[in-house]
Amino acid sequence: MTIYVGNLSFDAEVEDLQHLFSEYGSVSKCSLPLDRETGRKRGFAFVDMADANAENKAISDLQDVEWMGRSIRVNKAEPRPTPSFSNSRW
């Protein structure tokens, strides 16, 4: 399961997120996507934890918590929708 963390401070670094979520268990992966054109952080991140119970506890405890000056949103990441070509002429 992957956790989506939104409304992040642009000052947040991967190490900051790893430290925050490691309080709940082992963090297996953490990424801060960058804007393709500007190279700047986009204000959200994805965190994978080794244990589902730890992930659920982190989501529950950190939802709407103020962190680094921002009220962060923390929830299960939704899979990207696959593009539909049903209206395509091809």
N, C-alpha and C. Protein backbone atom coordinates (compact mmCIF):
# COMPACT_ATOMS: atom_id res chain seq x y z
N MET A 1 0.85 -1.18 0.00
CA MET A 1 0.00 0.00 0.00
C MET A 1 0.89 1.24 0.00
N THR A 2 0.49 2.20 -0.75
CA THR A 2 1.22 3.47 -0.83
C THR A 2 0.40 4.57 -0.18
N ILE A 3 1.07 5.43 0.54
CA ILE A 3 0.43 6.56 1.21
C ILE A 3 0.68 7.81 0.38
N TYR A 4 -0.37 8.58 0.15
CA TYR A 4 -0.28 9.88 -0.50
C TYR A 4 -0.20 10.94 0.59
N VAL A 5 0.75 11.84 0.49
CA VAL A 5 0.89 12.95 1.44
C VAL A 5 0.79 14.24 0.65
N GLY A 6 -0.28 14.99 0.87
CA GLY A 6 -0.51 16.21 0.12
C GLY A 6 -0.39 17.46 0.96
N ASN A 7 -0.39 18.59 0.28
CA ASN A 7 -0.27 19.92 0.88
C ASN A 7 1.04 20.07 1.66
N LEU A 8 2.10 19.50 1.09
CA LEU A 8 3.41 19.57 1.74
C LEU A 8 4.05 20.93 1.55
N SER A 9 4.86 21.29 2.52
CA SER A 9 5.72 22.46 2.40
C SER A 9 6.73 22.19 1.29
N PHE A 10 7.05 23.19 0.50
CA PHE A 10 8.05 23.01 -0.55
C PHE A 10 9.45 22.88 0.04
N ASP A 11 9.58 23.11 1.35
CA ASP A 11 10.86 22.91 2.03
C ASP A 11 11.07 21.46 2.47
N ALA A 12 10.03 20.64 2.40
CA ALA A 12 10.12 19.24 2.84
C ALA A 12 11.05 18.46 1.91
N GLU A 13 11.87 17.64 2.50
CA GLU A 13 12.80 16.77 1.76
C GLU A 13 12.44 15.31 2.04
N VAL A 14 12.95 14.42 1.22
CA VAL A 14 12.69 12.98 1.40
C VAL A 14 13.09 12.55 2.82
N GLU A 15 14.22 13.03 3.29
CA GLU A 15 14.70 12.66 4.63
C GLU A 15 13.71 13.09 5.72
N ASP A 16 13.08 14.26 5.54
CA ASP A 16 12.09 14.74 6.51
C ASP A 16 10.90 13.79 6.57
N LEU A 17 10.42 13.38 5.40
CA LEU A 17 9.28 12.46 5.35
C LEU A 17 9.64 11.10 5.93
N GLN A 18 10.83 10.61 5.59
CA GLN A 18 11.27 9.33 6.14
C GLN A 18 11.32 9.38 7.66
N HIS A 19 11.81 10.49 8.20
CA HIS A 19 11.88 10.64 9.65
C HIS A 19 10.48 10.68 10.26
N LEU A 20 9.58 11.43 9.66
CA LEU A 20 8.21 11.54 10.18
C LEU A 20 7.51 10.18 10.18
N PHE A 21 7.57 9.46 9.08
CA PHE A 21 6.85 8.20 8.97
C PHE A 21 7.57 7.05 9.67
N SER A 22 8.87 7.16 9.89
CA SER A 22 9.59 6.09 10.58
C SER A 22 9.17 5.98 12.04
N GLU A 23 8.49 7.00 12.56
CA GLU A 23 7.95 6.91 13.92
C GLU A 23 6.85 5.84 14.00
N TYR A 24 6.31 5.45 12.84
CA TYR A 24 5.22 4.46 12.80
C TYR A 24 5.70 3.09 12.34
N GLY A 25 6.90 3.01 11.79
CA GLY A 25 7.43 1.74 11.30
C GLY A 25 8.47 1.98 10.23
N SER A 26 8.90 0.91 9.62
CA SER A 26 9.94 0.96 8.61
C SER A 26 9.41 1.53 7.29
N VAL A 27 10.08 2.56 6.78
CA VAL A 27 9.72 3.16 5.50
C VAL A 27 10.53 2.46 4.41
N SER A 28 9.83 1.83 3.45
CA SER A 28 10.53 1.11 2.40
C SER A 28 10.84 1.98 1.18
N LYS A 29 10.05 3.03 0.97
CA LYS A 29 10.27 3.91 -0.19
C LYS A 29 9.60 5.25 0.07
N CYS A 30 10.20 6.30 -0.43
CA CYS A 30 9.64 7.64 -0.29
C CYS A 30 10.05 8.45 -1.51
N SER A 31 9.07 9.13 -2.12
CA SER A 31 9.40 9.95 -3.29
C SER A 31 8.65 11.28 -3.26
N LEU A 32 9.35 12.31 -3.72
CA LEU A 32 8.80 13.66 -3.85
C LEU A 32 8.84 14.00 -5.34
N PRO A 33 7.73 13.84 -6.06
CA PRO A 33 7.73 14.13 -7.50
C PRO A 33 8.08 15.59 -7.80
N LEU A 34 8.80 15.77 -8.90
CA LEU A 34 9.19 17.10 -9.34
C LEU A 34 8.43 17.46 -10.61
N ASP A 35 8.20 18.75 -10.78
CA ASP A 35 7.57 19.25 -11.99
C ASP A 35 8.53 19.03 -13.16
N ARG A 36 8.04 18.50 -14.27
CA ARG A 36 8.89 18.18 -15.41
C ARG A 36 9.52 19.42 -16.04
N GLU A 37 8.79 20.52 -16.04
CA GLU A 37 9.29 21.72 -16.71
C GLU A 37 10.20 22.56 -15.83
N THR A 38 9.83 22.71 -14.56
CA THR A 38 10.59 23.61 -13.69
C THR A 38 11.59 22.87 -12.79
N GLY A 39 11.37 21.57 -12.56
CA GLY A 39 12.24 20.83 -11.65
C GLY A 39 11.94 21.08 -10.19
N ARG A 40 10.89 21.85 -9.91
CA ARG A 40 10.50 22.16 -8.52
C ARG A 40 9.61 21.06 -7.97
N LYS A 41 9.61 20.96 -6.65
CA LYS A 41 8.72 20.01 -5.98
C LYS A 41 7.27 20.38 -6.27
N ARG A 42 6.40 19.37 -6.30
CA ARG A 42 5.01 19.60 -6.66
C ARG A 42 4.09 19.74 -5.45
N GLY A 43 4.61 19.56 -4.23
CA GLY A 43 3.81 19.76 -3.03
C GLY A 43 3.12 18.52 -2.52
N PHE A 44 3.52 17.35 -3.04
CA PHE A 44 2.98 16.10 -2.53
C PHE A 44 4.07 15.03 -2.60
N ALA A 45 3.80 13.91 -1.92
CA ALA A 45 4.78 12.82 -1.88
C ALA A 45 4.06 11.49 -1.78
N PHE A 46 4.82 10.43 -1.99
CA PHE A 46 4.32 9.07 -1.81
C PHE A 46 5.27 8.35 -0.87
N VAL A 47 4.69 7.64 0.10
CA VAL A 47 5.47 6.92 1.09
C VAL A 47 4.97 5.48 1.13
N ASP A 48 5.90 4.53 1.04
CA ASP A 48 5.58 3.10 1.19
C ASP A 48 6.19 2.63 2.50
N MET A 49 5.39 1.90 3.26
CA MET A 49 5.89 1.35 4.51
C MET A 49 5.85 -0.17 4.44
N ALA A 50 6.73 -0.81 5.22
CA ALA A 50 6.87 -2.26 5.16
C ALA A 50 5.67 -2.99 5.74
N ASP A 51 4.94 -2.35 6.65
CA ASP A 51 3.86 -3.02 7.37
C ASP A 51 2.53 -2.28 7.16
N ALA A 52 1.49 -3.00 6.77
CA ALA A 52 0.17 -2.38 6.52
C ALA A 52 -0.42 -1.77 7.78
N ASN A 53 -0.21 -2.39 8.94
CA ASN A 53 -0.74 -1.83 10.18
C ASN A 53 -0.07 -0.50 10.50
N ALA A 54 1.23 -0.41 10.25
CA ALA A 54 1.96 0.84 10.48
C ALA A 54 1.45 1.92 9.53
N GLU A 55 1.19 1.55 8.28
CA GLU A 55 0.66 2.52 7.31
C GLU A 55 -0.69 3.06 7.76
N ASN A 56 -1.57 2.17 8.18
CA ASN A 56 -2.91 2.59 8.63
C ASN A 56 -2.82 3.51 9.84
N LYS A 57 -1.92 3.20 10.76
CA LYS A 57 -1.75 4.03 11.96
C LYS A 57 -1.20 5.40 11.58
N ALA A 58 -0.24 5.44 10.66
CA ALA A 58 0.33 6.71 10.21
C ALA A 58 -0.74 7.56 9.53
N ILE A 59 -1.55 6.94 8.68
CA ILE A 59 -2.63 7.67 8.00
C ILE A 59 -3.59 8.26 9.02
N SER A 60 -3.99 7.46 9.97
CA SER A 60 -4.94 7.89 10.99
C SER A 60 -4.37 9.03 11.84
N ASP A 61 -3.13 8.89 12.27
CA ASP A 61 -2.53 9.87 13.18
C ASP A 61 -2.11 11.18 12.49
N LEU A 62 -1.73 11.10 11.23
CA LEU A 62 -1.15 12.28 10.58
C LEU A 62 -2.12 13.06 9.71
N GLN A 63 -3.32 12.57 9.52
CA GLN A 63 -4.30 13.28 8.69
C GLN A 63 -4.60 14.65 9.29
N ASP A 64 -4.46 15.70 8.49
CA ASP A 64 -4.75 17.08 8.87
C ASP A 64 -3.89 17.61 10.02
N VAL A 65 -2.72 17.03 10.21
CA VAL A 65 -1.78 17.51 11.22
C VAL A 65 -0.95 18.64 10.61
N GLU A 66 -0.63 19.65 11.41
CA GLU A 66 0.24 20.70 10.91
C GLU A 66 1.68 20.22 11.01
N TRP A 67 2.37 20.23 9.87
CA TRP A 67 3.75 19.77 9.79
C TRP A 67 4.51 20.71 8.86
N MET A 68 5.59 21.25 9.35
CA MET A 68 6.41 22.22 8.61
C MET A 68 5.56 23.40 8.12
N GLY A 69 4.62 23.82 8.96
CA GLY A 69 3.81 25.00 8.67
C GLY A 69 2.61 24.77 7.78
N ARG A 70 2.33 23.53 7.41
CA ARG A 70 1.20 23.22 6.52
C ARG A 70 0.35 22.12 7.14
N SER A 71 -0.94 22.17 6.91
CA SER A 71 -1.86 21.11 7.35
C SER A 71 -1.84 20.03 6.27
N ILE A 72 -1.14 18.93 6.54
CA ILE A 72 -0.95 17.90 5.51
C ILE A 72 -2.16 16.99 5.39
N ARG A 73 -2.36 16.47 4.18
CA ARG A 73 -3.40 15.48 3.91
C ARG A 73 -2.70 14.14 3.72
N VAL A 74 -3.16 13.14 4.43
CA VAL A 74 -2.53 11.83 4.38
C VAL A 74 -3.62 10.79 4.16
N ASN A 75 -3.51 10.04 3.04
CA ASN A 75 -4.48 8.98 2.79
C ASN A 75 -3.88 7.92 1.86
N LYS A 76 -4.61 6.84 1.67
CA LYS A 76 -4.14 5.80 0.76
C LYS A 76 -4.08 6.37 -0.64
N ALA A 77 -3.01 6.08 -1.33
CA ALA A 77 -2.85 6.57 -2.70
C ALA A 77 -3.79 5.80 -3.61
N GLU A 78 -4.41 6.52 -4.52
CA GLU A 78 -5.29 5.90 -5.51
C GLU A 78 -4.47 5.58 -6.75
N PRO A 79 -4.70 4.43 -7.37
CA PRO A 79 -3.96 4.14 -8.60
C PRO A 79 -4.32 5.12 -9.70
N ARG A 80 -3.36 5.41 -10.54
CA ARG A 80 -3.62 6.31 -11.67
C ARG A 80 -4.66 5.69 -12.58
N PRO A 81 -5.62 6.48 -13.04
CA PRO A 81 -6.59 5.93 -13.98
C PRO A 81 -5.91 5.64 -15.32
N THR A 82 -6.31 4.54 -15.92
CA THR A 82 -5.76 4.22 -17.23
C THR A 82 -6.52 5.01 -18.29
N PRO A 83 -5.82 5.52 -19.27
CA PRO A 83 -6.51 6.31 -20.28
C PRO A 83 -7.49 5.46 -21.07
N SER A 84 -8.62 6.05 -21.36
CA SER A 84 -9.64 5.37 -22.14
C SER A 84 -9.60 5.88 -23.57
N PHE A 85 -9.55 4.96 -24.49
CA PHE A 85 -9.50 5.33 -25.90
C PHE A 85 -10.80 5.02 -26.61
N SER A 86 -11.89 4.89 -25.85
CA SER A 86 -13.16 4.51 -26.43
C SER A 86 -13.71 5.60 -27.37
N ASN A 87 -13.36 6.85 -27.11
CA ASN A 87 -13.86 7.93 -27.95
C ASN A 87 -12.87 8.27 -29.07
N SER A 88 -11.85 7.49 -29.19
CA SER A 88 -10.84 7.75 -30.21
C SER A 88 -11.31 7.31 -31.58
N ARG A 89 -10.81 7.95 -32.59
CA ARG A 89 -11.14 7.57 -33.95
C ARG A 89 -10.27 6.44 -34.44
N TRP A 90 -9.27 6.06 -33.75
CA TRP A 90 -8.32 5.04 -34.18
C TRP A 90 -8.88 3.71 -33.96
